[in-house]
Amino acid sequence: MANGGVDRSVECTGSTEAMISAFECVHDGVVVLVRVPHKDAVFNTHPFNFLNERTLKGTFFGNYKPRFDIPSVVEKYMNKVKLKLEKFITHQVPFSEINKAFEYMLKGESIRCIIKMEE
């Protein structure tokens, strides 16, 4: 597709096929895999692909560091200026229906689900 390859590639779908394509289209640059693939997924590519000065990097949750980053996120949310989380909450369920929250997540029907500990 890129007639000789690209310098950088970022893959955000979590599809191993897309990850392999993103890796193999880089000529001698950097590939960043953002999304977590299925637990049984396998990344298959010819070993020669690692000898062409390609750099493969991964990031888990965008390299978010909870210990340092959560206080600033809480501050932004409390100020209601820069971070409005309510628009990302699609469902709320009581703890007794926690399995329903997992069903929403696995079916891709929710962005975020709040599980209420008390009803």
N, C-alpha and C. Protein backbone atom coordinates (compact mmCIF):
# COMPACT_ATOMS: atom_id res chain seq x y z
N MET A 1 0.82 -1.20 0.00
CA MET A 1 0.00 0.00 0.00
C MET A 1 0.86 1.26 0.00
N ALA A 2 2.01 1.22 0.64
CA ALA A 2 2.82 2.43 0.81
C ALA A 2 4.03 2.46 -0.12
N ASN A 3 4.11 1.55 -1.07
CA ASN A 3 5.22 1.52 -2.02
C ASN A 3 6.58 1.64 -1.35
N GLY A 4 6.94 0.64 -0.59
CA GLY A 4 8.26 0.63 0.04
C GLY A 4 8.21 0.77 1.54
N GLY A 5 7.06 1.00 2.08
CA GLY A 5 6.95 1.05 3.53
C GLY A 5 6.76 2.44 4.09
N VAL A 6 6.45 2.47 5.38
CA VAL A 6 6.23 3.73 6.08
C VAL A 6 7.27 3.85 7.20
N ASP A 7 7.40 5.05 7.74
CA ASP A 7 8.36 5.28 8.82
C ASP A 7 7.78 4.92 10.18
N ARG A 8 6.49 5.18 10.36
CA ARG A 8 5.83 4.92 11.63
C ARG A 8 4.45 4.32 11.37
N SER A 9 4.06 3.46 12.29
CA SER A 9 2.76 2.84 12.18
C SER A 9 2.19 2.68 13.58
N VAL A 10 0.90 3.01 13.74
CA VAL A 10 0.21 2.87 15.02
C VAL A 10 -1.02 2.02 14.78
N GLU A 11 -1.14 0.95 15.55
CA GLU A 11 -2.28 0.05 15.40
C GLU A 11 -3.13 0.14 16.65
N CYS A 12 -4.43 0.42 16.48
CA CYS A 12 -5.32 0.68 17.62
C CYS A 12 -6.54 -0.22 17.69
N THR A 13 -6.62 -1.27 16.89
CA THR A 13 -7.84 -2.08 16.88
C THR A 13 -7.77 -3.30 17.79
N GLY A 14 -6.58 -3.79 18.05
CA GLY A 14 -6.43 -5.00 18.84
C GLY A 14 -6.52 -6.26 17.99
N SER A 15 -6.73 -6.10 16.71
CA SER A 15 -6.80 -7.23 15.78
C SER A 15 -5.37 -7.67 15.45
N THR A 16 -5.09 -8.96 15.64
CA THR A 16 -3.73 -9.42 15.35
C THR A 16 -3.40 -9.29 13.86
N GLU A 17 -4.40 -9.45 13.01
CA GLU A 17 -4.14 -9.27 11.58
C GLU A 17 -3.71 -7.84 11.28
N ALA A 18 -4.39 -6.87 11.92
CA ALA A 18 -4.01 -5.47 11.73
C ALA A 18 -2.65 -5.18 12.36
N MET A 19 -2.35 -5.81 13.50
CA MET A 19 -1.04 -5.63 14.13
C MET A 19 0.08 -6.11 13.22
N ILE A 20 -0.12 -7.27 12.63
CA ILE A 20 0.89 -7.83 11.73
C ILE A 20 1.06 -6.94 10.51
N SER A 21 -0.05 -6.46 9.95
CA SER A 21 0.03 -5.55 8.79
C SER A 21 0.76 -4.27 9.16
N ALA A 22 0.45 -3.72 10.33
CA ALA A 22 1.11 -2.49 10.79
C ALA A 22 2.60 -2.72 10.94
N PHE A 23 2.98 -3.88 11.47
CA PHE A 23 4.39 -4.20 11.66
C PHE A 23 5.09 -4.40 10.33
N GLU A 24 4.47 -5.15 9.46
CA GLU A 24 5.13 -5.49 8.21
C GLU A 24 5.18 -4.34 7.21
N CYS A 25 4.36 -3.31 7.38
CA CYS A 25 4.39 -2.18 6.43
C CYS A 25 5.47 -1.16 6.78
N VAL A 26 6.06 -1.28 7.96
CA VAL A 26 7.13 -0.35 8.34
C VAL A 26 8.43 -0.82 7.71
N HIS A 27 9.12 0.11 7.04
CA HIS A 27 10.37 -0.24 6.37
C HIS A 27 11.51 -0.33 7.37
N ASP A 28 11.83 0.75 8.02
CA ASP A 28 12.86 0.76 9.06
C ASP A 28 12.50 1.84 10.07
N GLY A 29 11.36 1.64 10.71
CA GLY A 29 10.85 2.64 11.64
C GLY A 29 10.23 2.01 12.86
N VAL A 30 9.26 2.70 13.41
CA VAL A 30 8.66 2.31 14.69
C VAL A 30 7.20 1.91 14.49
N VAL A 31 6.83 0.82 15.16
CA VAL A 31 5.45 0.35 15.19
C VAL A 31 4.99 0.39 16.64
N VAL A 32 3.83 0.99 16.89
CA VAL A 32 3.28 1.03 18.24
C VAL A 32 1.94 0.30 18.22
N LEU A 33 1.83 -0.71 19.08
CA LEU A 33 0.59 -1.45 19.24
C LEU A 33 -0.11 -0.90 20.47
N VAL A 34 -1.32 -0.38 20.31
CA VAL A 34 -2.00 0.33 21.38
C VAL A 34 -3.00 -0.56 22.10
N ARG A 35 -3.81 -1.23 21.38
CA ARG A 35 -4.91 -1.97 21.99
C ARG A 35 -4.48 -3.37 22.38
N VAL A 36 -5.10 -3.93 23.40
CA VAL A 36 -4.77 -5.27 23.88
C VAL A 36 -5.53 -6.29 23.03
N PRO A 37 -4.83 -7.27 22.46
CA PRO A 37 -5.51 -8.29 21.66
C PRO A 37 -6.20 -9.31 22.54
N HIS A 38 -6.97 -10.16 21.92
CA HIS A 38 -7.64 -11.26 22.63
C HIS A 38 -6.59 -12.13 23.30
N LYS A 39 -6.91 -12.69 24.45
CA LYS A 39 -5.93 -13.45 25.24
C LYS A 39 -5.37 -14.66 24.50
N ASP A 40 -6.07 -15.19 23.52
CA ASP A 40 -5.59 -16.34 22.77
C ASP A 40 -4.94 -15.96 21.43
N ALA A 41 -4.84 -14.67 21.17
CA ALA A 41 -4.31 -14.22 19.89
C ALA A 41 -2.81 -14.51 19.79
N VAL A 42 -2.36 -14.73 18.57
CA VAL A 42 -0.94 -15.01 18.30
C VAL A 42 -0.45 -14.05 17.23
N PHE A 43 0.72 -13.49 17.46
CA PHE A 43 1.35 -12.56 16.52
C PHE A 43 2.36 -13.36 15.70
N ASN A 44 1.99 -13.71 14.46
CA ASN A 44 2.86 -14.51 13.60
C ASN A 44 3.44 -13.66 12.49
N THR A 45 4.74 -13.63 12.42
CA THR A 45 5.43 -12.95 11.33
C THR A 45 6.75 -13.65 11.11
N HIS A 46 7.30 -13.50 9.96
CA HIS A 46 8.57 -14.15 9.64
C HIS A 46 9.70 -13.49 10.46
N PRO A 47 10.60 -14.28 11.04
CA PRO A 47 11.70 -13.70 11.84
C PRO A 47 12.53 -12.67 11.08
N PHE A 48 12.60 -12.80 9.77
CA PHE A 48 13.35 -11.84 8.97
C PHE A 48 12.83 -10.42 9.16
N ASN A 49 11.52 -10.28 9.46
CA ASN A 49 10.93 -8.96 9.64
C ASN A 49 11.54 -8.20 10.82
N PHE A 50 12.13 -8.91 11.76
CA PHE A 50 12.75 -8.23 12.90
C PHE A 50 14.18 -7.78 12.58
N LEU A 51 14.72 -8.20 11.46
CA LEU A 51 16.10 -7.86 11.11
C LEU A 51 16.21 -6.61 10.26
N ASN A 52 15.10 -6.00 9.91
CA ASN A 52 15.10 -4.83 9.04
C ASN A 52 15.06 -3.52 9.81
N GLU A 53 15.60 -3.49 11.00
CA GLU A 53 15.65 -2.29 11.83
C GLU A 53 14.28 -1.74 12.18
N ARG A 54 13.31 -2.62 12.27
CA ARG A 54 11.99 -2.23 12.76
C ARG A 54 12.01 -2.23 14.28
N THR A 55 11.30 -1.31 14.87
CA THR A 55 11.16 -1.27 16.32
C THR A 55 9.70 -1.50 16.65
N LEU A 56 9.43 -2.50 17.46
CA LEU A 56 8.07 -2.85 17.85
C LEU A 56 7.88 -2.44 19.30
N LYS A 57 6.90 -1.58 19.54
CA LYS A 57 6.60 -1.13 20.90
C LYS A 57 5.14 -1.38 21.19
N GLY A 58 4.85 -1.55 22.45
CA GLY A 58 3.48 -1.70 22.88
C GLY A 58 3.19 -0.73 24.01
N THR A 59 1.93 -0.42 24.16
CA THR A 59 1.53 0.45 25.26
C THR A 59 0.28 -0.15 25.89
N PHE A 60 0.25 -0.17 27.18
CA PHE A 60 -0.87 -0.72 27.91
C PHE A 60 -1.60 0.42 28.58
N PHE A 61 -2.84 0.68 28.18
CA PHE A 61 -3.62 1.82 28.67
C PHE A 61 -2.89 3.15 28.41
N GLY A 62 -2.18 3.25 27.30
CA GLY A 62 -1.50 4.49 26.95
C GLY A 62 -0.38 4.84 27.90
N ASN A 63 0.20 3.83 28.54
CA ASN A 63 1.27 4.04 29.53
C ASN A 63 0.82 4.94 30.66
N TYR A 64 -0.44 4.85 30.98
CA TYR A 64 -1.04 5.60 32.08
C TYR A 64 -0.46 5.11 33.40
N LYS A 65 -0.05 6.02 34.26
CA LYS A 65 0.53 5.68 35.55
C LYS A 65 -0.41 6.14 36.66
N PRO A 66 -1.25 5.22 37.15
CA PRO A 66 -2.30 5.59 38.11
C PRO A 66 -1.80 6.37 39.32
N ARG A 67 -0.69 5.97 39.90
CA ARG A 67 -0.20 6.64 41.10
C ARG A 67 0.03 8.14 40.87
N PHE A 68 0.49 8.48 39.68
CA PHE A 68 0.79 9.88 39.39
C PHE A 68 -0.32 10.58 38.62
N ASP A 69 -1.05 9.83 37.80
CA ASP A 69 -2.02 10.45 36.91
C ASP A 69 -3.42 10.60 37.50
N ILE A 70 -3.82 9.71 38.40
CA ILE A 70 -5.18 9.78 38.95
C ILE A 70 -5.45 11.10 39.69
N PRO A 71 -4.53 11.61 40.51
CA PRO A 71 -4.84 12.89 41.18
C PRO A 71 -5.18 14.02 40.20
N SER A 72 -4.47 14.11 39.08
CA SER A 72 -4.78 15.18 38.13
C SER A 72 -6.12 14.92 37.42
N VAL A 73 -6.45 13.66 37.16
CA VAL A 73 -7.73 13.33 36.55
C VAL A 73 -8.87 13.68 37.50
N VAL A 74 -8.72 13.36 38.78
CA VAL A 74 -9.74 13.68 39.77
C VAL A 74 -9.92 15.20 39.86
N GLU A 75 -8.83 15.93 39.86
CA GLU A 75 -8.92 17.39 39.93
C GLU A 75 -9.67 17.95 38.72
N LYS A 76 -9.36 17.46 37.54
CA LYS A 76 -10.04 17.92 36.33
C LYS A 76 -11.54 17.59 36.39
N TYR A 77 -11.86 16.40 36.87
CA TYR A 77 -13.26 16.01 36.98
C TYR A 77 -13.99 16.88 38.00
N MET A 78 -13.39 17.10 39.14
CA MET A 78 -14.02 17.90 40.20
C MET A 78 -14.26 19.34 39.74
N ASN A 79 -13.37 19.86 38.91
CA ASN A 79 -13.52 21.22 38.40
C ASN A 79 -14.53 21.31 37.25
N LYS A 80 -14.92 20.17 36.70
CA LYS A 80 -15.90 20.09 35.60
C LYS A 80 -15.52 20.96 34.41
N VAL A 81 -14.26 21.29 34.33
CA VAL A 81 -13.82 22.17 33.25
C VAL A 81 -13.29 21.36 32.07
N LYS A 82 -12.35 20.48 32.35
CA LYS A 82 -11.69 19.78 31.26
C LYS A 82 -12.12 18.34 31.09
N LEU A 83 -12.77 17.78 32.09
CA LEU A 83 -13.09 16.36 32.02
C LEU A 83 -14.52 16.13 32.48
N LYS A 84 -15.35 15.70 31.55
CA LYS A 84 -16.75 15.43 31.85
C LYS A 84 -17.00 13.95 31.61
N LEU A 85 -16.84 13.15 32.66
CA LEU A 85 -16.90 11.70 32.56
C LEU A 85 -18.30 11.15 32.33
N GLU A 86 -19.33 11.89 32.72
CA GLU A 86 -20.69 11.37 32.62
C GLU A 86 -21.05 10.92 31.21
N LYS A 87 -20.52 11.59 30.21
CA LYS A 87 -20.87 11.22 28.84
C LYS A 87 -20.30 9.85 28.43
N PHE A 88 -19.35 9.33 29.20
CA PHE A 88 -18.78 8.02 28.90
C PHE A 88 -19.45 6.89 29.66
N ILE A 89 -20.33 7.19 30.60
CA ILE A 89 -21.02 6.17 31.38
C ILE A 89 -22.30 5.80 30.64
N THR A 90 -22.34 4.57 30.18
CA THR A 90 -23.49 4.13 29.39
C THR A 90 -24.47 3.28 30.18
N HIS A 91 -24.02 2.65 31.27
CA HIS A 91 -24.89 1.78 32.06
C HIS A 91 -24.53 1.89 33.54
N GLN A 92 -25.52 1.61 34.39
CA GLN A 92 -25.32 1.49 35.82
C GLN A 92 -26.09 0.27 36.28
N VAL A 93 -25.42 -0.61 37.03
CA VAL A 93 -26.08 -1.82 37.52
C VAL A 93 -25.75 -2.01 38.99
N PRO A 94 -26.67 -2.64 39.75
CA PRO A 94 -26.34 -2.97 41.14
C PRO A 94 -25.35 -4.13 41.16
N PHE A 95 -24.62 -4.27 42.26
CA PHE A 95 -23.63 -5.33 42.38
C PHE A 95 -24.24 -6.71 42.13
N SER A 96 -25.49 -6.88 42.52
CA SER A 96 -26.15 -8.17 42.33
C SER A 96 -26.29 -8.54 40.85
N GLU A 97 -26.13 -7.55 39.94
CA GLU A 97 -26.23 -7.80 38.50
C GLU A 97 -24.89 -7.56 37.80
N ILE A 98 -23.81 -7.82 38.51
CA ILE A 98 -22.48 -7.55 37.96
C ILE A 98 -22.23 -8.31 36.66
N ASN A 99 -22.81 -9.50 36.53
CA ASN A 99 -22.63 -10.27 35.30
C ASN A 99 -23.21 -9.56 34.09
N LYS A 100 -24.26 -8.78 34.31
CA LYS A 100 -24.85 -8.00 33.22
C LYS A 100 -23.83 -6.97 32.71
N ALA A 101 -23.07 -6.37 33.63
CA ALA A 101 -22.03 -5.41 33.24
C ALA A 101 -20.98 -6.08 32.36
N PHE A 102 -20.59 -7.30 32.71
CA PHE A 102 -19.63 -8.03 31.89
C PHE A 102 -20.21 -8.37 30.52
N GLU A 103 -21.49 -8.71 30.48
CA GLU A 103 -22.15 -8.99 29.20
C GLU A 103 -22.11 -7.75 28.30
N TYR A 104 -22.45 -6.58 28.87
CA TYR A 104 -22.39 -5.34 28.09
C TYR A 104 -20.99 -5.13 27.53
N MET A 105 -19.99 -5.34 28.36
CA MET A 105 -18.61 -5.11 27.94
C MET A 105 -18.21 -6.09 26.84
N LEU A 106 -18.48 -7.36 27.03
CA LEU A 106 -18.06 -8.37 26.05
C LEU A 106 -18.78 -8.23 24.72
N LYS A 107 -20.03 -7.73 24.75
CA LYS A 107 -20.78 -7.51 23.51
C LYS A 107 -20.44 -6.17 22.86
N GLY A 108 -19.65 -5.35 23.54
CA GLY A 108 -19.31 -4.04 23.01
C GLY A 108 -20.46 -3.06 23.09
N GLU A 109 -21.38 -3.28 24.04
CA GLU A 109 -22.57 -2.44 24.16
C GLU A 109 -22.40 -1.30 25.17
N SER A 110 -21.25 -1.22 25.82
CA SER A 110 -21.07 -0.15 26.79
C SER A 110 -19.69 0.48 26.64
N ILE A 111 -19.61 1.73 27.03
CA ILE A 111 -18.31 2.39 27.10
C ILE A 111 -17.76 2.17 28.51
N ARG A 112 -18.54 2.59 29.50
CA ARG A 112 -18.21 2.37 30.92
C ARG A 112 -19.50 2.03 31.65
N CYS A 113 -19.38 1.11 32.57
CA CYS A 113 -20.53 0.69 33.36
C CYS A 113 -20.20 0.89 34.83
N ILE A 114 -21.06 1.59 35.54
CA ILE A 114 -20.91 1.81 36.97
C ILE A 114 -21.58 0.66 37.71
N ILE A 115 -20.85 0.06 38.63
CA ILE A 115 -21.41 -1.01 39.45
C ILE A 115 -21.65 -0.43 40.84
N LYS A 116 -22.91 -0.34 41.21
CA LYS A 116 -23.28 0.23 42.52
C LYS A 116 -23.16 -0.83 43.58
N MET A 117 -22.40 -0.52 44.61
CA MET A 117 -22.17 -1.49 45.69
C MET A 117 -23.36 -1.57 46.64
N GLU A 118 -24.15 -0.53 46.72
CA GLU A 118 -25.32 -0.53 47.61
C GLU A 118 -26.54 -0.13 46.80
N GLU A 119 -27.67 -0.72 47.12
CA GLU A 119 -28.93 -0.37 46.44
C GLU A 119 -29.96 0.04 47.44
